[in-house]
């Protein structure tokens, strides 16, 4: 096992990985931009190194700066987390070229699965079912022909894409040219590559993904599925494990296909194979994420396996400790992504200082957070602040536990998505498991009830301030010394004032 690990990331995932390293007895190194100088992950690590200005391109995407920090710190390995450089094959190779271990799959696997067109072709060759569509990069003229062939609605996707970037759904042929141009612009800006392809839209489908673990010796298993259908603009908002739409027989079938997909590219370490599941139970390969997923905690909750520790073990050359027969799904877990966005204003990103913070605790509650009171939330980075995860013996208990935990969660100073999650937990459609990927964005999608009035917000703020003042005054009184009769001396008398009162 390594002795010292650098985490090439920030926020809640950096803290998550740092904690796993500490539990393994490893020294830890954080990197930070100027905007994150006082961030939680910087405080948590044993050492921290500045890698540049706030802009991600000059800091968290700056490969030479991160490699220089790793050399200076004398680390053995680099863990990329997710986002930023986690699926950048050049970064993985640069880490290896520096003589360090890469906590992730081989650069060749990242390249193969990172190009969505190449991934489709590999999966077809491996006998993995894929969504009907084009298998190569398309010109605009070719895209028009493919769309007519497979039928509308169609989905434009960026070949180098992910996270919903460069993706557009087109329902009407007249809208296709404009959507193609917009998708290419967004893809070029996000990935430096405007190559696109088309897929048929599977109406009423669920987004279901399978977690896989593979070592360097050809052993590969799956850890069950996660339901990720509650999305907005292709960005996941709520995840749960297991899926209410996946019975044990289907789980075994999808899991076997996911393992086959991973083995087709010689995969090693943790990865996720994503599928669309239609109403009749047929499933289609979407993509493979060659990294740790944001929603990995819910798999950990229902399997009891720490995925980050397994990543570290696999990267150090150890064999998998588990066989497929060892994997048992117990209970139900739900994750809510808490972001600095205003759900009452089209999820507009919010920035500012967190003035107060009260975090939920109690049985079955897990919080993955990268914030603290006084933390400055920047618009430079992804708005994800924390992931609130709960476990219950069944789905009903998990929903009730999440409702309680959300009610306890207080983040002052900025807008967050907590109200959205509270209302989803109260939704009868969600509670009944009657949803698909159109739950939020569809024409009959979920809609928030009216936001609290500004007057009520002001009243609540004043009441909170008065309550805090009362607590402070009580603390002063209770902290006063006693006289010879055992009665507390008034703080006014202590200050030399006349006419003070005494209190017991």
Protein backbone atom coordinates (compact mmCIF):
# COMPACT_ATOMS: atom_id res chain seq x y z
CA UNK A 1 0.00 0.00 0.00
CA UNK A 2 1.11 3.56 -0.63
CA UNK A 3 2.38 5.81 2.13
CA UNK A 4 1.32 9.21 0.78
CA UNK A 5 -1.50 10.18 -1.61
CA UNK A 6 -2.27 13.46 -3.38
CA UNK A 7 -5.95 14.20 -4.07
CA UNK A 8 -6.21 16.18 -7.30
CA UNK A 9 -9.61 17.67 -6.55
CA UNK A 10 -11.56 19.92 -4.21
CA UNK A 11 -14.83 20.13 -2.24
CA UNK A 12 -16.71 17.22 -0.76
CA UNK A 13 -15.08 14.52 -2.88
CA UNK A 14 -11.60 15.64 -1.84
CA UNK A 15 -12.63 15.43 1.82
CA UNK A 16 -14.19 12.00 1.21
CA UNK A 17 -10.97 10.62 -0.28
CA UNK A 18 -8.79 12.23 2.38
CA UNK A 19 -10.84 10.51 5.09
CA UNK A 20 -10.48 7.12 3.41
CA UNK A 21 -6.72 7.64 3.15
CA UNK A 22 -6.48 8.56 6.82
CA UNK A 23 -8.37 5.40 7.78
CA UNK A 24 -5.81 3.42 5.77
CA UNK A 25 -2.99 5.11 7.67
CA UNK A 26 -1.83 7.12 4.66
CA UNK A 27 -0.40 10.63 4.67
CA UNK A 28 -2.46 13.03 2.57
CA UNK A 29 -1.78 15.99 0.31
CA UNK A 30 -4.33 18.51 -0.95
CA UNK A 31 -4.02 21.01 -3.77
CA UNK A 32 -5.88 24.28 -3.91
CA UNK A 33 -6.53 27.40 -5.96
CA UNK A 34 -6.46 30.90 -4.53
CA UNK A 35 -10.25 30.73 -4.14
CA UNK A 36 -9.93 27.61 -1.96
CA UNK A 37 -7.11 28.73 0.30
CA UNK A 38 -9.24 28.22 3.44
CA UNK A 39 -11.45 25.39 2.09
CA UNK A 40 -12.28 22.33 4.17
CA UNK A 41 -10.19 19.91 2.11
CA UNK A 42 -7.14 22.15 2.60
CA UNK A 43 -7.64 22.14 6.36
CA UNK A 44 -8.18 18.39 6.48
CA UNK A 45 -5.08 17.23 4.61
CA UNK A 46 -1.66 16.75 6.20
CA UNK A 47 -0.12 19.04 3.58
CA UNK A 48 -1.52 21.44 0.99
CA UNK A 49 0.01 23.06 -2.09
CA UNK A 50 -1.17 26.03 -4.14
CA UNK A 51 -1.59 25.22 -7.84
CA UNK A 52 -2.88 28.49 -9.29
CA UNK A 53 -5.55 31.20 -9.55
CA UNK A 54 -9.28 30.49 -9.11
CA UNK A 55 -9.93 29.64 -12.77
CA UNK A 56 -10.05 25.82 -13.13
CA UNK A 57 -7.94 25.99 -16.29
CA UNK A 58 -5.15 27.58 -14.28
CA UNK A 59 -5.49 25.36 -11.22
CA UNK A 60 -7.47 22.11 -11.00
CA UNK A 61 -7.06 21.48 -14.75
CA UNK A 62 -3.39 22.50 -14.74
CA UNK A 63 -1.60 19.17 -15.21
CA UNK A 64 2.00 20.51 -14.90
CA UNK A 65 1.13 22.33 -11.66
CA UNK A 66 -0.44 19.23 -10.09
CA UNK A 67 2.45 16.98 -11.12
CA UNK A 68 4.90 19.56 -9.71
CA UNK A 69 2.98 19.57 -6.40
CA UNK A 70 3.05 15.76 -6.31
CA UNK A 71 6.82 15.73 -6.87
CA UNK A 72 7.39 18.41 -4.24
CA UNK A 73 5.25 16.57 -1.70
CA UNK A 74 6.93 13.23 -2.41
CA UNK A 75 3.69 11.28 -2.83
CA UNK A 76 3.35 7.69 -4.04
CA UNK A 77 -0.04 8.01 -5.76
CA UNK A 78 -2.59 10.46 -7.15
CA UNK A 79 -6.36 10.09 -6.77
CA UNK A 80 -8.33 12.30 -9.19
CA UNK A 81 -11.79 12.06 -7.56
CA UNK A 82 -14.45 12.90 -10.15
CA UNK A 83 -14.81 15.81 -12.52
CA UNK A 84 -11.83 17.99 -13.50
CA UNK A 85 -9.06 15.62 -14.71
CA UNK A 86 -10.55 12.34 -13.48
CA UNK A 87 -11.30 11.07 -17.01
CA UNK A 88 -8.36 12.74 -18.73
CA UNK A 89 -6.13 10.04 -20.21
CA UNK A 90 -3.25 12.51 -20.66
CA UNK A 91 -3.31 13.29 -16.94
CA UNK A 92 -3.37 9.60 -16.04
CA UNK A 93 -0.36 9.03 -18.28
CA UNK A 94 1.44 12.07 -16.88
CA UNK A 95 1.02 10.66 -13.36
CA UNK A 96 2.46 7.32 -14.45
CA UNK A 97 5.30 9.01 -16.35
CA UNK A 98 6.19 10.82 -13.13
CA UNK A 99 6.74 7.44 -11.49
CA UNK A 100 3.55 7.64 -9.42
CA UNK A 101 0.59 5.31 -9.10
CA UNK A 102 -2.70 6.36 -10.70
CA UNK A 103 -5.79 5.53 -8.65
CA UNK A 104 -8.01 4.72 -11.58
CA UNK A 105 -8.16 2.70 -14.80
CA UNK A 106 -5.43 2.60 -17.45
CA UNK A 107 -5.15 5.57 -19.77
CA UNK A 108 -6.09 3.31 -22.71
CA UNK A 109 -9.42 2.40 -21.07
CA UNK A 110 -10.13 6.05 -20.31
CA UNK A 111 -9.52 6.97 -23.95
CA UNK A 112 -11.60 4.09 -25.28
CA UNK A 113 -14.64 4.79 -23.11
CA UNK A 114 -14.22 8.57 -23.08
CA UNK A 115 -14.94 8.79 -26.79
CA UNK A 116 -18.63 7.95 -26.92
CA UNK A 117 -18.51 6.85 -30.57
CA UNK A 118 -15.61 4.48 -29.94
CA UNK A 119 -17.37 3.20 -26.82
CA UNK A 120 -20.53 2.40 -28.82
CA UNK A 121 -18.50 0.46 -31.36
CA UNK A 122 -16.66 -1.49 -28.66
CA UNK A 123 -19.90 -2.36 -26.91
CA UNK A 124 -21.55 -3.54 -30.13
CA UNK A 125 -18.54 -5.78 -30.77
CA UNK A 126 -18.83 -7.16 -27.23
CA UNK A 127 -22.53 -7.95 -27.65
CA UNK A 128 -23.72 -5.20 -25.33
CA UNK A 129 -27.11 -3.70 -26.38
CA UNK A 130 -26.85 -0.03 -27.38
CA UNK A 131 -29.41 2.68 -28.08
CA UNK A 132 -30.28 2.85 -31.82
CA UNK A 133 -28.36 5.63 -33.51
CA UNK A 134 -25.23 6.59 -35.42
CA UNK A 135 -21.94 4.84 -34.73
CA UNK A 136 -19.55 7.53 -35.96
CA UNK A 137 -19.01 11.28 -35.95
CA UNK A 138 -21.52 13.02 -38.20
CA UNK A 139 -21.60 16.05 -40.42
CA UNK A 140 -24.78 18.11 -40.16
CA UNK A 141 -26.04 16.66 -43.44
CA UNK A 142 -25.42 13.10 -42.24
CA UNK A 143 -27.13 13.90 -38.94
CA UNK A 144 -30.30 14.94 -40.77
CA UNK A 145 -30.32 11.63 -42.62
CA UNK A 146 -29.75 9.56 -39.48
CA UNK A 147 -32.52 11.40 -37.62
CA UNK A 148 -34.97 10.65 -40.43
CA UNK A 149 -33.91 6.99 -40.40
CA UNK A 150 -34.23 6.30 -36.66
CA UNK A 151 -37.19 8.64 -36.16
CA UNK A 152 -37.86 11.56 -33.85
CA UNK A 153 -37.33 12.45 -31.07
CA UNK A 154 -33.54 12.16 -31.27
CA UNK A 155 -30.75 13.09 -28.89
CA UNK A 156 -27.66 14.93 -30.07
CA UNK A 157 -24.64 13.94 -27.96
CA UNK A 158 -21.03 15.13 -27.87
CA UNK A 159 -18.56 12.35 -28.66
CA UNK A 160 -16.17 13.58 -25.95
CA UNK A 161 -19.01 14.62 -23.66
CA UNK A 162 -20.40 13.90 -20.25
CA UNK A 163 -22.50 15.55 -17.56
CA UNK A 164 -25.09 16.72 -20.08
CA UNK A 165 -22.68 19.02 -21.92
CA UNK A 166 -23.21 19.22 -25.68
CA UNK A 167 -26.49 17.33 -25.41
CA UNK A 168 -29.76 18.38 -27.04
CA UNK A 169 -33.09 16.61 -27.51
CA UNK A 170 -34.84 17.39 -30.79
CA UNK A 171 -38.52 16.59 -31.26
CA UNK A 172 -39.14 18.42 -34.57
CA UNK A 173 -37.03 18.15 -37.76
CA UNK A 174 -37.20 21.91 -38.19
CA UNK A 175 -35.30 22.38 -34.93
CA UNK A 176 -32.43 20.05 -35.80
CA UNK A 177 -30.04 22.50 -37.56
CA UNK A 178 -30.21 25.00 -34.72
CA UNK A 179 -29.79 22.27 -32.08
CA UNK A 180 -26.79 20.82 -33.93
CA UNK A 181 -25.06 24.20 -33.98
CA UNK A 182 -25.74 24.79 -30.28
CA UNK A 183 -24.55 21.30 -29.31
CA UNK A 184 -21.33 21.70 -31.30
CA UNK A 185 -20.59 25.08 -29.70
CA UNK A 186 -21.14 23.74 -26.20
CA UNK A 187 -19.10 20.60 -26.87
CA UNK A 188 -16.20 22.59 -28.33
CA UNK A 189 -16.22 24.93 -25.33
CA UNK A 190 -16.43 22.16 -22.73
CA UNK A 191 -14.20 19.49 -24.30
CA UNK A 192 -12.30 21.15 -27.14
CA UNK A 193 -14.02 18.76 -29.57
CA UNK A 194 -17.27 19.47 -31.44
CA UNK A 195 -17.74 15.91 -32.78
CA UNK A 196 -21.34 14.75 -32.29
CA UNK A 197 -23.48 11.69 -32.88
CA UNK A 198 -27.20 10.90 -32.66
CA UNK A 199 -29.24 8.46 -30.62
CA UNK A 200 -32.92 7.59 -30.59
CA UNK A 201 -34.74 8.96 -27.54
CA UNK A 202 -36.19 6.09 -25.50
CA UNK A 203 -39.48 7.54 -24.28
CA UNK A 204 -40.38 6.91 -20.66
CA UNK A 205 -36.99 5.40 -19.86
CA UNK A 206 -35.21 5.22 -16.53
CA UNK A 207 -31.52 5.97 -16.07
CA UNK A 208 -30.05 2.96 -14.27
CA UNK A 209 -26.33 2.43 -13.75
CA UNK A 210 -24.25 -0.52 -12.51
CA UNK A 211 -21.21 -0.11 -10.27
CA UNK A 212 -18.29 -2.36 -11.21
CA UNK A 213 -14.98 -3.18 -9.51
CA UNK A 214 -12.11 -4.82 -11.36
CA UNK A 215 -8.53 -5.58 -10.42
CA UNK A 216 -5.37 -5.90 -12.51
CA UNK A 217 -5.68 -9.69 -12.73
CA UNK A 218 -8.90 -9.98 -14.73
CA UNK A 219 -11.30 -10.27 -11.79
CA UNK A 220 -14.43 -8.12 -12.18
CA UNK A 221 -17.69 -7.92 -10.23
CA UNK A 222 -20.70 -5.62 -10.06
CA UNK A 223 -22.17 -4.12 -6.90
CA UNK A 224 -25.76 -3.71 -8.01
CA UNK A 225 -27.56 -0.79 -9.59
CA UNK A 226 -28.35 2.81 -8.80
CA UNK A 227 -31.49 4.62 -9.92
CA UNK A 228 -30.54 8.05 -11.35
CA UNK A 229 -33.71 9.11 -13.18
CA UNK A 230 -34.42 12.26 -11.15
CA UNK A 231 -32.52 14.68 -13.37
CA UNK A 232 -32.68 18.21 -14.65
CA UNK A 233 -31.11 18.93 -18.03
CA UNK A 234 -29.30 15.60 -17.85
CA UNK A 235 -27.77 16.48 -14.48
CA UNK A 236 -28.61 14.03 -11.71
CA UNK A 237 -30.33 15.45 -8.63
CA UNK A 238 -31.42 12.43 -6.57
CA UNK A 239 -30.15 8.85 -6.68
CA UNK A 240 -31.16 5.69 -4.87
CA UNK A 241 -30.09 2.08 -4.55
CA UNK A 242 -31.51 -0.33 -5.39
CA UNK A 243 -33.94 0.72 -8.15
CA UNK A 244 -37.62 0.00 -7.63
CA UNK A 245 -37.80 -0.98 -11.32
CA UNK A 246 -35.10 -3.67 -11.18
CA UNK A 247 -36.08 -7.12 -9.82
CA UNK A 248 -33.31 -9.56 -8.82
CA UNK A 249 -33.34 -11.42 -12.15
CA UNK A 250 -32.93 -8.20 -14.14
CA UNK A 251 -30.19 -7.03 -11.75
CA UNK A 252 -28.24 -10.20 -12.45
CA UNK A 253 -28.69 -9.80 -16.21
CA UNK A 254 -27.70 -6.11 -16.26
CA UNK A 255 -24.80 -6.82 -13.91
CA UNK A 256 -23.43 -9.54 -16.18
CA UNK A 257 -23.61 -7.16 -19.16
CA UNK A 258 -21.87 -4.41 -17.16
CA UNK A 259 -19.05 -6.79 -16.26
CA UNK A 260 -18.78 -7.81 -19.92
CA UNK A 261 -18.56 -4.14 -20.93
CA UNK A 262 -15.75 -3.50 -18.44
CA UNK A 263 -13.81 -6.58 -19.49
CA UNK A 264 -14.12 -5.59 -23.17
CA UNK A 265 -11.69 -2.72 -22.51
CA UNK A 266 -9.48 -4.48 -19.98
CA UNK A 267 -10.87 -2.31 -17.20
CA UNK A 268 -9.28 -2.06 -13.76
CA UNK A 269 -10.41 -0.10 -10.66
CA UNK A 270 -13.90 1.34 -9.98
CA UNK A 271 -16.19 2.26 -12.85
CA UNK A 272 -19.84 2.71 -13.73
CA UNK A 273 -21.75 1.35 -16.72
CA UNK A 274 -24.85 3.43 -17.47
CA UNK A 275 -28.00 2.11 -19.12
CA UNK A 276 -31.41 3.31 -20.22
CA UNK A 277 -34.16 0.96 -19.02
CA UNK A 278 -37.43 1.13 -20.95
CA UNK A 279 -40.90 0.33 -19.68
CA UNK A 280 -40.82 -3.22 -21.02
CA UNK A 281 -37.60 -4.09 -19.19
CA UNK A 282 -35.22 -3.78 -22.14
CA UNK A 283 -31.99 -1.92 -21.40
CA UNK A 284 -29.46 -0.13 -23.59
CA UNK A 285 -25.85 0.92 -22.98
CA UNK A 286 -25.36 4.68 -22.64
CA UNK A 287 -21.76 5.15 -21.57
CA UNK A 288 -19.13 4.05 -19.09
CA UNK A 289 -17.75 6.48 -16.53
CA UNK A 290 -14.13 5.59 -15.91
CA UNK A 291 -13.96 7.07 -12.44
CA UNK A 292 -15.65 7.22 -9.06
CA UNK A 293 -19.23 8.51 -9.33
CA UNK A 294 -20.78 11.34 -7.32
CA UNK A 295 -23.44 8.90 -6.13
CA UNK A 296 -21.06 6.13 -5.00
CA UNK A 297 -22.08 6.46 -1.28
CA UNK A 298 -25.48 4.85 -1.82
CA UNK A 299 -23.80 1.72 -3.21
CA UNK A 300 -21.52 1.71 -0.18
CA UNK A 301 -24.53 1.98 2.13
CA UNK A 302 -26.35 -1.04 0.69
CA UNK A 303 -23.30 -3.28 0.15
CA UNK A 304 -21.05 -2.30 3.07
CA UNK A 305 -18.08 -1.91 0.70
CA UNK A 306 -15.92 1.24 0.87
CA UNK A 307 -15.29 1.98 -2.80
CA UNK A 308 -12.50 4.50 -2.22
CA UNK A 309 -10.53 2.06 -0.07
CA UNK A 310 -11.03 -0.60 -2.74
CA UNK A 311 -9.75 1.84 -5.36
CA UNK A 312 -6.59 2.41 -3.33
CA UNK A 313 -6.07 -1.32 -2.83
CA UNK A 314 -6.54 -2.14 -6.52
CA UNK A 315 -4.19 0.68 -7.60
CA UNK A 316 -1.54 -0.69 -5.24
CA UNK A 317 -1.67 -4.05 -7.02
CA UNK A 318 -3.91 -6.05 -4.71
CA UNK A 319 -6.48 -8.56 -5.91
CA UNK A 320 -10.19 -8.06 -5.31
CA UNK A 321 -11.23 -9.24 -1.86
CA UNK A 322 -14.73 -9.99 -3.09
CA UNK A 323 -16.41 -12.45 -5.43
CA UNK A 324 -19.80 -11.89 -7.03
CA UNK A 325 -21.37 -14.33 -4.56
CA UNK A 326 -20.19 -12.11 -1.68
CA UNK A 327 -22.23 -9.12 -2.83
CA UNK A 328 -25.56 -8.76 -1.03
CA UNK A 329 -27.90 -5.76 -1.28
CA UNK A 330 -29.23 -4.81 2.15
CA UNK A 331 -31.83 -2.12 2.76
CA UNK A 332 -32.32 1.03 0.71
CA UNK A 333 -30.26 4.22 0.33
CA UNK A 334 -31.10 7.64 -1.10
CA UNK A 335 -28.79 10.52 -1.96
CA UNK A 336 -29.78 14.17 -2.42
CA UNK A 337 -27.26 16.47 -4.07
CA UNK A 338 -27.23 19.74 -2.14
CA UNK A 339 -26.14 22.51 -4.49
CA UNK A 340 -25.72 26.28 -4.30
CA UNK A 341 -28.60 26.94 -6.70
CA UNK A 342 -31.95 28.67 -6.32
CA UNK A 343 -34.67 26.12 -7.17
CA UNK A 344 -37.28 28.91 -7.13
CA UNK A 345 -35.36 30.80 -9.85
CA UNK A 346 -34.69 28.15 -12.52
CA UNK A 347 -31.83 26.71 -10.43
CA UNK A 348 -29.75 29.83 -10.97
CA UNK A 349 -26.28 29.35 -9.40
CA UNK A 350 -25.80 31.14 -6.10
CA UNK A 351 -22.60 32.52 -4.61
CA UNK A 352 -21.70 34.12 -1.31
CA UNK A 353 -20.56 33.36 2.21
CA UNK A 354 -22.13 30.61 4.29
CA UNK A 355 -23.09 32.52 7.41
CA UNK A 356 -24.37 29.58 9.46
CA UNK A 357 -24.46 25.83 9.19
CA UNK A 358 -26.42 23.16 11.06
CA UNK A 359 -25.91 19.63 9.75
CA UNK A 360 -28.23 16.64 10.14
CA UNK A 361 -27.17 13.62 12.16
CA UNK A 362 -28.81 10.60 13.73
CA UNK A 363 -29.42 6.97 12.76
CA UNK A 364 -28.86 6.12 9.11
CA UNK A 365 -27.71 9.60 8.09
CA UNK A 366 -24.43 10.25 6.24
CA UNK A 367 -23.25 13.64 5.03
CA UNK A 368 -20.47 14.11 2.47
CA UNK A 369 -19.68 17.81 2.69
CA UNK A 370 -17.00 20.23 1.60
CA UNK A 371 -18.31 23.33 3.37
CA UNK A 372 -18.20 24.97 6.78
CA UNK A 373 -19.54 28.16 8.37
CA UNK A 374 -17.70 31.11 6.87
CA UNK A 375 -16.88 29.29 3.62
CA UNK A 376 -17.08 31.45 0.50
CA UNK A 377 -19.04 29.73 -2.28
CA UNK A 378 -17.56 30.69 -5.65
CA UNK A 379 -19.05 30.70 -9.14
CA UNK A 380 -15.78 29.34 -10.49
CA UNK A 381 -16.68 25.73 -9.65
CA UNK A 382 -19.49 23.20 -9.74
CA UNK A 383 -22.32 24.26 -7.38
CA UNK A 384 -22.35 20.91 -5.53
CA UNK A 385 -21.87 21.66 -1.81
CA UNK A 386 -22.67 18.35 -0.17
CA UNK A 387 -24.37 14.99 -0.60
CA UNK A 388 -26.94 14.01 1.97
CA UNK A 389 -27.25 10.21 2.13
CA UNK A 390 -29.63 8.11 4.21
CA UNK A 391 -30.10 4.38 4.67
CA UNK A 392 -33.23 2.55 5.77
CA UNK A 393 -34.34 -1.04 6.09
CA UNK A 394 -36.67 -0.37 3.15
CA UNK A 395 -37.47 2.45 0.72
CA UNK A 396 -40.31 3.86 2.82
CA UNK A 397 -38.06 4.21 5.87
CA UNK A 398 -35.31 5.78 3.72
CA UNK A 399 -37.73 8.41 2.39
CA UNK A 400 -38.98 9.26 5.89
CA UNK A 401 -35.40 9.46 7.14
CA UNK A 402 -34.42 11.75 4.27
CA UNK A 403 -37.37 14.03 5.02
CA UNK A 404 -36.23 14.29 8.63
CA UNK A 405 -32.59 14.91 7.67
CA UNK A 406 -33.53 17.62 5.15
CA UNK A 407 -35.64 19.34 7.80
CA UNK A 408 -32.59 19.40 10.09
CA UNK A 409 -30.24 20.74 7.42
CA UNK A 410 -29.69 24.51 7.64
CA UNK A 411 -27.31 26.43 5.37
CA UNK A 412 -27.47 30.17 5.95
CA UNK A 413 -26.31 32.95 3.66
CA UNK A 414 -26.96 31.43 0.21
CA UNK A 415 -29.71 29.72 -1.75
CA UNK A 416 -29.55 25.91 -1.88
CA UNK A 417 -31.56 23.09 -3.41
CA UNK A 418 -32.77 21.80 -0.02
CA UNK A 419 -36.38 23.04 -0.64
CA UNK A 420 -36.48 21.14 -3.94
CA UNK A 421 -35.45 17.89 -2.28
CA UNK A 422 -37.95 18.38 0.54
CA UNK A 423 -40.81 18.73 -1.91
CA UNK A 424 -39.69 15.75 -4.00
CA UNK A 425 -39.66 13.57 -0.88
CA UNK A 426 -43.27 14.68 -0.29
CA UNK A 427 -44.29 13.91 -3.89
CA UNK A 428 -46.67 10.97 -4.20
CA UNK A 429 -45.19 10.13 -7.62
CA UNK A 430 -41.73 9.82 -6.12
CA UNK A 431 -42.96 7.91 -3.09
CA UNK A 432 -44.77 5.47 -5.38
CA UNK A 433 -41.70 5.01 -7.62
CA UNK A 434 -43.69 6.28 -10.61
CA UNK A 435 -41.07 8.32 -12.42
CA UNK A 436 -38.57 8.30 -15.29
CA UNK A 437 -36.02 10.74 -16.69
CA UNK A 438 -38.81 13.21 -17.57
CA UNK A 439 -39.84 13.58 -13.89
CA UNK A 440 -38.48 17.16 -13.76
CA UNK A 441 -38.05 18.28 -17.38
CA UNK A 442 -41.12 16.68 -18.94
CA UNK A 443 -44.27 18.62 -19.90
CA UNK A 444 -46.01 17.17 -16.85
CA UNK A 445 -42.86 17.32 -14.78
CA UNK A 446 -42.50 18.03 -11.09
CA UNK A 447 -42.99 21.66 -10.15
CA UNK A 448 -42.04 23.41 -6.94
CA UNK A 449 -44.76 25.05 -4.91
CA UNK A 450 -44.51 28.78 -4.34
CA UNK A 451 -41.42 30.12 -2.59
CA UNK A 452 -41.81 31.52 0.93
CA UNK A 453 -42.71 35.21 0.85
CA UNK A 454 -39.97 37.74 1.50
CA UNK A 455 -41.88 38.98 4.56
CA UNK A 456 -41.87 35.52 6.15
CA UNK A 457 -38.16 35.19 5.41
CA UNK A 458 -37.45 38.50 7.13
CA UNK A 459 -39.57 37.55 10.13
CA UNK A 460 -37.73 34.25 10.43
CA UNK A 461 -34.36 36.04 10.30
CA UNK A 462 -35.40 38.49 13.01
CA UNK A 463 -36.74 35.68 15.21
CA UNK A 464 -33.48 33.77 14.80
CA UNK A 465 -31.45 36.85 15.72
CA UNK A 466 -33.58 37.48 18.83
CA UNK A 467 -33.28 33.85 19.90
CA UNK A 468 -29.51 33.99 19.54
CA UNK A 469 -29.38 37.23 21.54
CA UNK A 470 -31.46 35.63 24.31
CA UNK A 471 -29.15 32.61 24.43
CA UNK A 472 -26.11 34.89 24.63
CA UNK A 473 -27.63 36.88 27.49
CA UNK A 474 -28.50 33.69 29.36
CA UNK A 475 -24.96 32.45 28.94
CA UNK A 476 -23.62 35.66 30.49
CA UNK A 477 -25.97 35.36 33.47
CA UNK A 478 -25.25 31.67 34.06
CA UNK A 479 -21.55 32.37 33.83
CA UNK A 480 -21.66 35.01 36.59
CA UNK A 481 -20.01 34.28 39.98
CA UNK A 482 -22.07 33.66 43.15
CA UNK A 483 -22.09 35.71 46.36
CA UNK A 484 -21.70 34.29 49.88
CA UNK A 485 -25.38 33.23 49.91
CA UNK A 486 -25.03 31.19 46.68
CA UNK A 487 -26.93 33.70 44.59
CA UNK A 488 -25.56 34.74 41.21
CA UNK A 489 -24.25 38.30 41.02
CA UNK A 490 -25.84 40.35 38.27
CA UNK A 491 -23.46 41.10 35.39
CA UNK A 492 -24.63 44.74 35.70
CA UNK A 493 -23.31 44.85 39.28
CA UNK A 494 -20.10 43.26 38.10
CA UNK A 495 -19.71 46.13 35.67
CA UNK A 496 -20.11 48.62 38.53
CA UNK A 497 -23.65 49.66 37.85
CA UNK A 498 -26.17 50.52 40.59
CA UNK A 499 -29.50 48.78 41.11
CA UNK A 500 -28.55 45.41 39.68
CA UNK A 501 -30.75 42.38 40.33
CA UNK A 502 -29.79 38.96 41.50
CA UNK A 503 -30.90 35.73 39.95
CA UNK A 504 -30.67 32.14 41.09
